[in-house]
């Protein structure tokens, strides 16, 4: 399974449950992700110590630290609406994509 599909479903589900969007607004996003190219999976996963270090340094969840670690490794900005992750991305020097 394409990890983007699972992640998108998680984000959209939470967005609806939190009242940020309506359920009917989530469908177009879900459909758009289904048409994306498969995501390349990194053969070398991050070291647990690196994730722990980022999580502690920026007070992130380990899940968010994994996104930040990948962005740092690839030197790419992060697409997020999470304030803590966005602040960490700016502080770490990779920045955040804006709409």
PDB file of N, CA and C in Angstrom:
ATOM      1  N   UNK A   1       0.838  -1.181   0.000  1.00  0.00           N
ATOM      2  CA  UNK A   1       0.000   0.000   0.000  1.00  0.00           C
ATOM      3  C   UNK A   1       0.884   1.247   0.000  1.00  0.00           C
ATOM      4  N   UNK A   2       0.440   2.246  -0.692  1.00  0.00           N
ATOM      5  CA  UNK A   2       1.133   3.529  -0.739  1.00  0.00           C
ATOM      6  C   UNK A   2       0.982   4.216   0.623  1.00  0.00           C
ATOM      7  N   UNK A   3       2.106   4.515   1.298  1.00  0.00           N
ATOM      8  CA  UNK A   3       2.016   5.157   2.611  1.00  0.00           C
ATOM      9  C   UNK A   3       1.277   6.489   2.582  1.00  0.00           C
ATOM     10  N   UNK A   4       1.293   7.170   1.450  1.00  0.00           N
ATOM     11  CA  UNK A   4       0.611   8.464   1.355  1.00  0.00           C
ATOM     12  C   UNK A   4      -0.893   8.292   1.534  1.00  0.00           C
ATOM     13  N   UNK A   5      -1.428   7.184   1.081  1.00  0.00           N
ATOM     14  CA  UNK A   5      -2.866   6.948   1.196  1.00  0.00           C
ATOM     15  C   UNK A   5      -3.257   6.783   2.668  1.00  0.00           C
ATOM     16  N   UNK A   6      -2.481   5.978   3.399  1.00  0.00           N
ATOM     17  CA  UNK A   6      -2.770   5.771   4.816  1.00  0.00           C
ATOM     18  C   UNK A   6      -2.602   7.066   5.608  1.00  0.00           C
ATOM     19  N   UNK A   7      -1.545   7.805   5.323  1.00  0.00           N
ATOM     20  CA  UNK A   7      -1.300   9.054   6.038  1.00  0.00           C
ATOM     21  C   UNK A   7      -2.386  10.073   5.723  1.00  0.00           C
ATOM     22  N   UNK A   8      -2.788  10.151   4.462  1.00  0.00           N
ATOM     23  CA  UNK A   8      -3.840  11.084   4.072  1.00  0.00           C
ATOM     24  C   UNK A   8      -5.154  10.739   4.758  1.00  0.00           C
ATOM     25  N   UNK A   9      -5.483   9.461   4.809  1.00  0.00           N
ATOM     26  CA  UNK A   9      -6.712   9.044   5.481  1.00  0.00           C
ATOM     27  C   UNK A   9      -6.671   9.445   6.956  1.00  0.00           C
ATOM     28  N   UNK A  10      -5.526   9.259   7.595  1.00  0.00           N
ATOM     29  CA  UNK A  10      -5.361   9.636   8.998  1.00  0.00           C
ATOM     30  C   UNK A  10      -5.568  11.137   9.184  1.00  0.00           C
ATOM     31  N   UNK A  11      -4.915  11.929   8.350  1.00  0.00           N
ATOM     32  CA  UNK A  11      -5.008  13.388   8.462  1.00  0.00           C
ATOM     33  C   UNK A  11      -6.438  13.862   8.188  1.00  0.00           C
ATOM     34  N   UNK A  12      -7.053  13.348   7.148  1.00  0.00           N
ATOM     35  CA  UNK A  12      -8.410  13.775   6.810  1.00  0.00           C
ATOM     36  C   UNK A  12      -9.411  13.353   7.885  1.00  0.00           C
ATOM     37  N   UNK A  13      -9.268  12.139   8.389  1.00  0.00           N
ATOM     38  CA  UNK A  13     -10.156  11.657   9.440  1.00  0.00           C
ATOM     39  C   UNK A  13     -10.051  12.550  10.676  1.00  0.00           C
ATOM     40  N   UNK A  14      -8.831  12.847  11.089  1.00  0.00           N
ATOM     41  CA  UNK A  14      -8.638  13.718  12.247  1.00  0.00           C
ATOM     42  C   UNK A  14      -9.165  15.124  11.986  1.00  0.00           C
ATOM     43  N   UNK A  15      -8.986  15.602  10.766  1.00  0.00           N
ATOM     44  CA  UNK A  15      -9.464  16.944  10.424  1.00  0.00           C
ATOM     45  C   UNK A  15     -10.981  17.035  10.522  1.00  0.00           C
ATOM     46  N   UNK A  16     -11.664  15.991  10.098  1.00  0.00           N
ATOM     47  CA  UNK A  16     -13.128  15.955  10.196  1.00  0.00           C
ATOM     48  C   UNK A  16     -13.543  15.834  11.663  1.00  0.00           C
ATOM     49  N   UNK A  17     -12.891  14.914  12.404  1.00  0.00           N
ATOM     50  CA  UNK A  17     -13.242  14.716  13.809  1.00  0.00           C
ATOM     51  C   UNK A  17     -13.001  15.962  14.657  1.00  0.00           C
ATOM     52  N   UNK A  18     -11.970  16.741  14.315  1.00  0.00           N
ATOM     53  CA  UNK A  18     -11.659  17.964  15.060  1.00  0.00           C
ATOM     54  C   UNK A  18     -12.517  19.149  14.613  1.00  0.00           C
ATOM     55  N   UNK A  19     -13.293  18.958  13.544  1.00  0.00           N
ATOM     56  CA  UNK A  19     -14.153  20.025  13.064  1.00  0.00           C
ATOM     57  C   UNK A  19     -13.457  21.042  12.178  1.00  0.00           C
ATOM     58  N   UNK A  20     -12.250  20.716  11.709  1.00  0.00           N
ATOM     59  CA  UNK A  20     -11.515  21.652  10.846  1.00  0.00           C
ATOM     60  C   UNK A  20     -12.089  21.690   9.440  1.00  0.00           C
ATOM     61  N   UNK A  21     -12.603  20.538   8.982  1.00  0.00           N
ATOM     62  CA  UNK A  21     -13.252  20.459   7.677  1.00  0.00           C
ATOM     63  C   UNK A  21     -14.477  19.567   7.799  1.00  0.00           C
ATOM     64  N   UNK A  22     -15.385  19.665   6.834  1.00  0.00           N
ATOM     65  CA  UNK A  22     -16.551  18.790   6.781  1.00  0.00           C
ATOM     66  C   UNK A  22     -16.193  17.519   6.034  1.00  0.00           C
ATOM     67  N   UNK A  23     -16.917  16.458   6.296  1.00  0.00           N
ATOM     68  CA  UNK A  23     -16.628  15.176   5.658  1.00  0.00           C
ATOM     69  C   UNK A  23     -16.656  15.275   4.130  1.00  0.00           C
ATOM     70  N   UNK A  24     -17.613  16.028   3.590  1.00  0.00           N
ATOM     71  CA  UNK A  24     -17.697  16.140   2.129  1.00  0.00           C
ATOM     72  C   UNK A  24     -16.535  16.946   1.546  1.00  0.00           C
ATOM     73  N   UNK A  25     -15.853  17.738   2.386  1.00  0.00           N
ATOM     74  CA  UNK A  25     -14.683  18.475   1.917  1.00  0.00           C
ATOM     75  C   UNK A  25     -13.442  17.581   1.864  1.00  0.00           C
ATOM     76  N   UNK A  26     -13.442  16.488   2.593  1.00  0.00           N
ATOM     77  CA  UNK A  26     -12.286  15.602   2.651  1.00  0.00           C
ATOM     78  C   UNK A  26     -12.150  14.748   1.391  1.00  0.00           C
ATOM     79  N   UNK A  27     -13.251  14.411   0.763  1.00  0.00           N
ATOM     80  CA  UNK A  27     -13.231  13.497  -0.391  1.00  0.00           C
ATOM     81  C   UNK A  27     -12.355  13.970  -1.540  1.00  0.00           C
ATOM     82  N   UNK A  28     -12.414  15.226  -1.972  1.00  0.00           N
ATOM     83  CA  UNK A  28     -11.545  15.639  -3.086  1.00  0.00           C
ATOM     84  C   UNK A  28     -10.058  15.472  -2.775  1.00  0.00           C
ATOM     85  N   UNK A  29      -9.680  15.707  -1.527  1.00  0.00           N
ATOM     86  CA  UNK A  29      -8.273  15.523  -1.153  1.00  0.00           C
ATOM     87  C   UNK A  29      -7.885  14.054  -1.224  1.00  0.00           C
ATOM     88  N   UNK A  30      -8.754  13.209  -0.727  1.00  0.00           N
ATOM     89  CA  UNK A  30      -8.505  11.777  -0.766  1.00  0.00           C
ATOM     90  C   UNK A  30      -8.377  11.285  -2.208  1.00  0.00           C
ATOM     91  N   UNK A  31      -9.255  11.761  -3.072  1.00  0.00           N
ATOM     92  CA  UNK A  31      -9.205  11.372  -4.486  1.00  0.00           C
ATOM     93  C   UNK A  31      -7.921  11.856  -5.152  1.00  0.00           C
ATOM     94  N   UNK A  32      -7.471  13.052  -4.801  1.00  0.00           N
ATOM     95  CA  UNK A  32      -6.253  13.604  -5.400  1.00  0.00           C
ATOM     96  C   UNK A  32      -5.035  12.780  -5.007  1.00  0.00           C
ATOM     97  N   UNK A  33      -4.959  12.356  -3.759  1.00  0.00           N
ATOM     98  CA  UNK A  33      -3.815  11.572  -3.299  1.00  0.00           C
ATOM     99  C   UNK A  33      -3.790  10.208  -3.978  1.00  0.00           C
ATOM    100  N   UNK A  34      -4.944   9.650  -4.240  1.00  0.00           N
ATOM    101  CA  UNK A  34      -5.009   8.341  -4.897  1.00  0.00           C
ATOM    102  C   UNK A  34      -4.344   8.378  -6.270  1.00  0.00           C
ATOM    103  N   UNK A  35      -4.299   9.547  -6.900  1.00  0.00           N
ATOM    104  CA  UNK A  35      -3.691   9.661  -8.224  1.00  0.00           C
ATOM    105  C   UNK A  35      -2.211  10.003  -8.215  1.00  0.00           C
ATOM    106  N   UNK A  36      -1.606  10.135  -7.050  1.00  0.00           N
ATOM    107  CA  UNK A  36      -0.184  10.481  -6.980  1.00  0.00           C
ATOM    108  C   UNK A  36       0.713   9.288  -7.294  1.00  0.00           C
ATOM    109  N   UNK A  37       1.925   9.620  -7.695  1.00  0.00           N
ATOM    110  CA  UNK A  37       2.919   8.570  -7.920  1.00  0.00           C
ATOM    111  C   UNK A  37       3.259   7.911  -6.588  1.00  0.00           C
ATOM    112  N   UNK A  38       3.676   6.640  -6.614  1.00  0.00           N
ATOM    113  CA  UNK A  38       4.091   5.988  -5.368  1.00  0.00           C
ATOM    114  C   UNK A  38       5.267   6.731  -4.734  1.00  0.00           C
ATOM    115  N   UNK A  39       5.297   6.702  -3.437  1.00  0.00           N
ATOM    116  CA  UNK A  39       6.377   7.335  -2.693  1.00  0.00           C
ATOM    117  C   UNK A  39       7.562   6.382  -2.619  1.00  0.00           C
ATOM    118  N   UNK A  40       8.738   6.928  -2.855  1.00  0.00           N
ATOM    119  CA  UNK A  40       9.956   6.127  -2.750  1.00  0.00           C
ATOM    120  C   UNK A  40      10.240   5.915  -1.264  1.00  0.00           C
ATOM    121  N   UNK A  41      10.435   4.672  -0.900  1.00  0.00           N
ATOM    122  CA  UNK A  41      10.719   4.339   0.496  1.00  0.00           C
ATOM    123  C   UNK A  41      12.230   4.352   0.701  1.00  0.00           C
ATOM    124  N   UNK A  42      12.678   5.033   1.726  1.00  0.00           N
ATOM    125  CA  UNK A  42      14.100   5.101   2.044  1.00  0.00           C
ATOM    126  C   UNK A  42      14.590   3.734   2.509  1.00  0.00           C
ATOM    127  N   UNK A  43      15.675   3.266   1.901  1.00  0.00           N
ATOM    128  CA  UNK A  43      16.235   1.972   2.275  1.00  0.00           C
ATOM    129  C   UNK A  43      16.890   2.040   3.653  1.00  0.00           C
ATOM    130  N   UNK A  44      17.426   3.190   4.012  1.00  0.00           N
ATOM    131  CA  UNK A  44      18.083   3.345   5.302  1.00  0.00           C
ATOM    132  C   UNK A  44      17.188   4.176   6.219  1.00  0.00           C
ATOM    133  N   UNK A  45      16.453   3.530   7.109  1.00  0.00           N
ATOM    134  CA  UNK A  45      15.591   4.290   8.009  1.00  0.00           C
ATOM    135  C   UNK A  45      16.425   5.095   8.999  1.00  0.00           C
ATOM    136  N   UNK A  46      15.829   6.101   9.597  1.00  0.00           N
ATOM    137  CA  UNK A  46      16.577   6.909  10.562  1.00  0.00           C
ATOM    138  C   UNK A  46      16.949   6.082  11.786  1.00  0.00           C
ATOM    139  N   UNK A  47      18.010   6.482  12.415  1.00  0.00           N
ATOM    140  CA  UNK A  47      18.432   5.824  13.651  1.00  0.00           C
ATOM    141  C   UNK A  47      17.510   6.257  14.788  1.00  0.00           C
ATOM    142  N   UNK A  48      17.116   5.330  15.650  1.00  0.00           N
ATOM    143  CA  UNK A  48      16.251   5.697  16.781  1.00  0.00           C
ATOM    144  C   UNK A  48      16.831   6.821  17.632  1.00  0.00           C
ATOM    145  N   UNK A  49      18.139   6.848  17.800  1.00  0.00           N
ATOM    146  CA  UNK A  49      18.758   7.906  18.600  1.00  0.00           C
ATOM    147  C   UNK A  49      18.572   9.273  17.945  1.00  0.00           C
ATOM    148  N   UNK A  50      18.587   9.324  16.620  1.00  0.00           N
ATOM    149  CA  UNK A  50      18.388  10.587  15.909  1.00  0.00           C
ATOM    150  C   UNK A  50      16.960  11.087  16.106  1.00  0.00           C
ATOM    151  N   UNK A  51      15.996  10.160  16.043  1.00  0.00           N
ATOM    152  CA  UNK A  51      14.594  10.549  16.256  1.00  0.00           C
ATOM    153  C   UNK A  51      14.375  11.028  17.690  1.00  0.00           C
ATOM    154  N   UNK A  52      14.952  10.304  18.638  1.00  0.00           N
ATOM    155  CA  UNK A  52      14.810  10.706  20.035  1.00  0.00           C
ATOM    156  C   UNK A  52      15.421  12.078  20.271  1.00  0.00           C
ATOM    157  N   UNK A  53      16.578  12.307  19.671  1.00  0.00           N
ATOM    158  CA  UNK A  53      17.259  13.590  19.829  1.00  0.00           C
ATOM    159  C   UNK A  53      16.399  14.738  19.289  1.00  0.00           C
ATOM    160  N   UNK A  54      15.832  14.565  18.102  1.00  0.00           N
ATOM    161  CA  UNK A  54      14.976  15.599  17.511  1.00  0.00           C
ATOM    162  C   UNK A  54      13.703  15.784  18.334  1.00  0.00           C
ATOM    163  N   UNK A  55      13.111  14.681  18.765  1.00  0.00           N
ATOM    164  CA  UNK A  55      11.881  14.761  19.551  1.00  0.00           C
ATOM    165  C   UNK A  55      12.116  15.544  20.841  1.00  0.00           C
ATOM    166  N   UNK A  56      13.225  15.252  21.512  1.00  0.00           N
ATOM    167  CA  UNK A  56      13.523  15.947  22.756  1.00  0.00           C
ATOM    168  C   UNK A  56      13.927  17.400  22.520  1.00  0.00           C
ATOM    169  N   UNK A  57      14.747  17.621  21.494  1.00  0.00           N
ATOM    170  CA  UNK A  57      15.229  18.978  21.206  1.00  0.00           C
ATOM    171  C   UNK A  57      14.097  19.934  20.883  1.00  0.00           C
ATOM    172  N   UNK A  58      13.129  19.462  20.092  1.00  0.00           N
ATOM    173  CA  UNK A  58      12.043  20.331  19.631  1.00  0.00           C
ATOM    174  C   UNK A  58      10.702  20.026  20.296  1.00  0.00           C
ATOM    175  N   UNK A  59      10.695  19.130  21.273  1.00  0.00           N
ATOM    176  CA  UNK A  59       9.474  18.730  21.975  1.00  0.00           C
ATOM    177  C   UNK A  59       8.404  18.254  20.986  1.00  0.00           C
ATOM    178  N   UNK A  60       8.795  17.279  20.145  1.00  0.00           N
ATOM    179  CA  UNK A  60       7.914  16.704  19.137  1.00  0.00           C
ATOM    180  C   UNK A  60       7.548  15.272  19.505  1.00  0.00           C
ATOM    181  N   UNK A  61       6.487  14.780  18.899  1.00  0.00           N
ATOM    182  CA  UNK A  61       6.213  13.340  18.982  1.00  0.00           C
ATOM    183  C   UNK A  61       7.262  12.624  18.148  1.00  0.00           C
ATOM    184  N   UNK A  62       7.439  11.347  18.386  1.00  0.00           N
ATOM    185  CA  UNK A  62       8.409  10.604  17.578  1.00  0.00           C
ATOM    186  C   UNK A  62       7.964  10.560  16.116  1.00  0.00           C
ATOM    187  N   UNK A  63       6.658  10.559  15.890  1.00  0.00           N
ATOM    188  CA  UNK A  63       6.101  10.567  14.538  1.00  0.00           C
ATOM    189  C   UNK A  63       6.508  11.857  13.810  1.00  0.00           C
ATOM    190  N   UNK A  64       6.340  12.999  14.479  1.00  0.00           N
ATOM    191  CA  UNK A  64       6.740  14.280  13.882  1.00  0.00           C
ATOM    192  C   UNK A  64       8.257  14.380  13.746  1.00  0.00           C
ATOM    193  N   UNK A  65       8.988  13.829  14.699  1.00  0.00           N
ATOM    194  CA  UNK A  65      10.449  13.830  14.611  1.00  0.00           C
ATOM    195  C   UNK A  65      10.914  13.044  13.389  1.00  0.00           C
ATOM    196  N   UNK A  66      10.195  11.988  13.026  1.00  0.00           N
ATOM    197  CA  UNK A  66      10.554  11.205  11.835  1.00  0.00           C
ATOM    198  C   UNK A  66      10.383  12.047  10.569  1.00  0.00           C
ATOM    199  N   UNK A  67       9.299  12.830  10.506  1.00  0.00           N
ATOM    200  CA  UNK A  67       9.115  13.730   9.359  1.00  0.00           C
ATOM    201  C   UNK A  67      10.231  14.771   9.300  1.00  0.00           C
ATOM    202  N   UNK A  68      10.573  15.323  10.436  1.00  0.00           N
ATOM    203  CA  UNK A  68      11.618  16.342  10.479  1.00  0.00           C
ATOM    204  C   UNK A  68      12.969  15.742  10.100  1.00  0.00           C
ATOM    205  N   UNK A  69      13.255  14.555  10.578  1.00  0.00           N
ATOM    206  CA  UNK A  69      14.526  13.902  10.252  1.00  0.00           C
ATOM    207  C   UNK A  69      14.639  13.675   8.747  1.00  0.00           C
ATOM    208  N   UNK A  70      13.577  13.226   8.120  1.00  0.00           N
ATOM    209  CA  UNK A  70      13.595  12.992   6.673  1.00  0.00           C
ATOM    210  C   UNK A  70      13.772  14.316   5.926  1.00  0.00           C
ATOM    211  N   UNK A  71      13.081  15.348   6.358  1.00  0.00           N
ATOM    212  CA  UNK A  71      13.223  16.661   5.721  1.00  0.00           C
ATOM    213  C   UNK A  71      14.664  17.165   5.848  1.00  0.00           C
ATOM    214  N   UNK A  72      15.259  16.968   7.005  1.00  0.00           N
ATOM    215  CA  UNK A  72      16.651  17.389   7.197  1.00  0.00           C
ATOM    216  C   UNK A  72      17.592  16.589   6.296  1.00  0.00           C
ATOM    217  N   UNK A  73      17.360  15.281   6.243  1.00  0.00           N
ATOM    218  CA  UNK A  73      18.228  14.424   5.434  1.00  0.00           C
ATOM    219  C   UNK A  73      18.138  14.775   3.956  1.00  0.00           C
ATOM    220  N   UNK A  74      16.926  15.074   3.470  1.00  0.00           N
ATOM    221  CA  UNK A  74      16.726  15.385   2.052  1.00  0.00           C
ATOM    222  C   UNK A  74      16.834  16.876   1.757  1.00  0.00           C
ATOM    223  N   UNK A  75      16.956  17.676   2.808  1.00  0.00           N
ATOM    224  CA  UNK A  75      16.999  19.137   2.687  1.00  0.00           C
ATOM    225  C   UNK A  75      15.795  19.664   1.914  1.00  0.00           C
ATOM    226  N   UNK A  76      14.603  19.243   2.383  1.00  0.00           N
ATOM    227  CA  UNK A  76      13.338  19.662   1.789  1.00  0.00           C
ATOM    228  C   UNK A  76      12.450  20.257   2.870  1.00  0.00           C
ATOM    229  N   UNK A  77      11.609  21.230   2.512  1.00  0.00           N
ATOM    230  CA  UNK A  77      10.679  21.783   3.497  1.00  0.00           C
ATOM    231  C   UNK A  77       9.568  20.783   3.822  1.00  0.00           C
ATOM    232  N   UNK A  78       8.923  21.003   4.931  1.00  0.00           N
ATOM    233  CA  UNK A  78       7.823  20.147   5.382  1.00  0.00           C
ATOM    234  C   UNK A  78       6.495  20.816   5.045  1.00  0.00           C
ATOM    235  N   UNK A  79       5.521  20.018   4.646  1.00  0.00           N
ATOM    236  CA  UNK A  79       4.152  20.509   4.456  1.00  0.00           C
ATOM    237  C   UNK A  79       3.366  20.110   5.699  1.00  0.00           C
ATOM    238  N   UNK A  80       3.016  21.083   6.524  1.00  0.00           N
ATOM    239  CA  UNK A  80       2.290  20.789   7.754  1.00  0.00           C
ATOM    240  C   UNK A  80       1.480  21.994   8.191  1.00  0.00           C
ATOM    241  N   UNK A  81       0.439  21.713   8.955  1.00  0.00           N
ATOM    242  CA  UNK A  81      -0.331  22.771   9.608  1.00  0.00           C
ATOM    243  C   UNK A  81      -0.166  22.670  11.115  1.00  0.00           C
ATOM    244  N   UNK A  82       0.706  21.751  11.541  1.00  0.00           N
ATOM    245  CA  UNK A  82       0.980  21.559  12.957  1.00  0.00           C
ATOM    246  C   UNK A  82       1.978  22.625  13.413  1.00  0.00           C
ATOM    247  N   UNK A  83       1.577  23.437  14.371  1.00  0.00           N
ATOM    248  CA  UNK A  83       2.422  24.554  14.805  1.00  0.00           C
ATOM    249  C   UNK A  83       3.772  24.112  15.357  1.00  0.00           C
ATOM    250  N   UNK A  84       3.767  23.064  16.182  1.00  0.00           N
ATOM    251  CA  UNK A  84       5.026  22.609  16.789  1.00  0.00           C
ATOM    252  C   UNK A  84       5.987  22.072  15.730  1.00  0.00           C
ATOM    253  N   UNK A  85       5.478  21.303  14.782  1.00  0.00           N
ATOM    254  CA  UNK A  85       6.327  20.765  13.729  1.00  0.00           C
ATOM    255  C   UNK A  85       6.825  21.876  12.810  1.00  0.00           C
ATOM    256  N   UNK A  86       5.959  22.824  12.488  1.00  0.00           N
ATOM    257  CA  UNK A  86       6.370  23.951  11.642  1.00  0.00           C
ATOM    258  C   UNK A  86       7.463  24.766  12.323  1.00  0.00           C
ATOM    259  N   UNK A  87       7.289  25.035  13.606  1.00  0.00           N
ATOM    260  CA  UNK A  87       8.294  25.801  14.355  1.00  0.00           C
ATOM    261  C   UNK A  87       9.626  25.046  14.388  1.00  0.00           C
ATOM    262  N   UNK A  88       9.564  23.740  14.586  1.00  0.00           N
ATOM    263  CA  UNK A  88      10.783  22.921  14.603  1.00  0.00           C
ATOM    264  C   UNK A  88      11.454  22.922  13.234  1.00  0.00           C
ATOM    265  N   UNK A  89      10.665  22.837  12.166  1.00  0.00           N
ATOM    266  CA  UNK A  89      11.228  22.832  10.814  1.00  0.00           C
ATOM    267  C   UNK A  89      11.946  24.142  10.517  1.00  0.00           C
ATOM    268  N   UNK A  90      11.333  25.259  10.923  1.00  0.00           N
ATOM    269  CA  UNK A  90      11.987  26.557  10.714  1.00  0.00           C
ATOM    270  C   UNK A  90      13.268  26.642  11.542  1.00  0.00           C
ATOM    271  N   UNK A  91      13.196  26.216  12.799  1.00  0.00           N
ATOM    272  CA  UNK A  91      14.361  26.279  13.682  1.00  0.00           C
ATOM    273  C   UNK A  91      15.499  25.376  13.189  1.00  0.00           C
ATOM    274  N   UNK A  92      15.130  24.254  12.582  1.00  0.00           N
ATOM    275  CA  UNK A  92      16.133  23.306  12.090  1.00  0.00           C
ATOM    276  C   UNK A  92      16.686  23.711  10.727  1.00  0.00           C
ATOM    277  N   UNK A  93      16.042  24.682  10.078  1.00  0.00           N
ATOM    278  CA  UNK A  93      16.570  25.200   8.824  1.00  0.00           C
ATOM    279  C   UNK A  93      16.001  24.618   7.556  1.00  0.00           C
ATOM    280  N   UNK A  94      14.936  23.798   7.637  1.00  0.00           N
ATOM    281  CA  UNK A  94      14.360  23.264   6.406  1.00  0.00           C
ATOM    282  C   UNK A  94      13.114  24.013   5.970  1.00  0.00           C
ATOM    283  N   UNK A  95      12.460  24.708   6.887  1.00  0.00           N
ATOM    284  CA  UNK A  95      11.315  25.515   6.518  1.00  0.00           C
ATOM    285  C   UNK A  95      10.055  24.706   6.307  1.00  0.00           C
ATOM    286  N   UNK A  96       8.996  25.420   5.891  1.00  0.00           N
ATOM    287  CA  UNK A  96       7.672  24.851   5.733  1.00  0.00           C
ATOM    288  C   UNK A  96       7.085  25.327   4.414  1.00  0.00           C
ATOM    289  N   UNK A  97       6.441  24.406   3.692  1.00  0.00           N
ATOM    290  CA  UNK A  97       5.730  24.785   2.474  1.00  0.00           C
ATOM    291  C   UNK A  97       4.489  25.559   2.854  1.00  0.00           C
ATOM    292  N   UNK A  98       4.182  26.595   2.118  1.00  0.00           N
ATOM    293  CA  UNK A  98       2.979  27.378   2.365  1.00  0.00           C
ATOM    294  C   UNK A  98       2.035  27.232   1.182  1.00  0.00           C
ATOM    295  N   UNK A  99       0.757  27.315   1.465  1.00  0.00           N
ATOM    296  CA  UNK A  99      -0.253  27.158   0.401  1.00  0.00           C
ATOM    297  C   UNK A  99      -0.384  28.429  -0.389  1.00  0.00           C
TER     298      UNK A  99
END
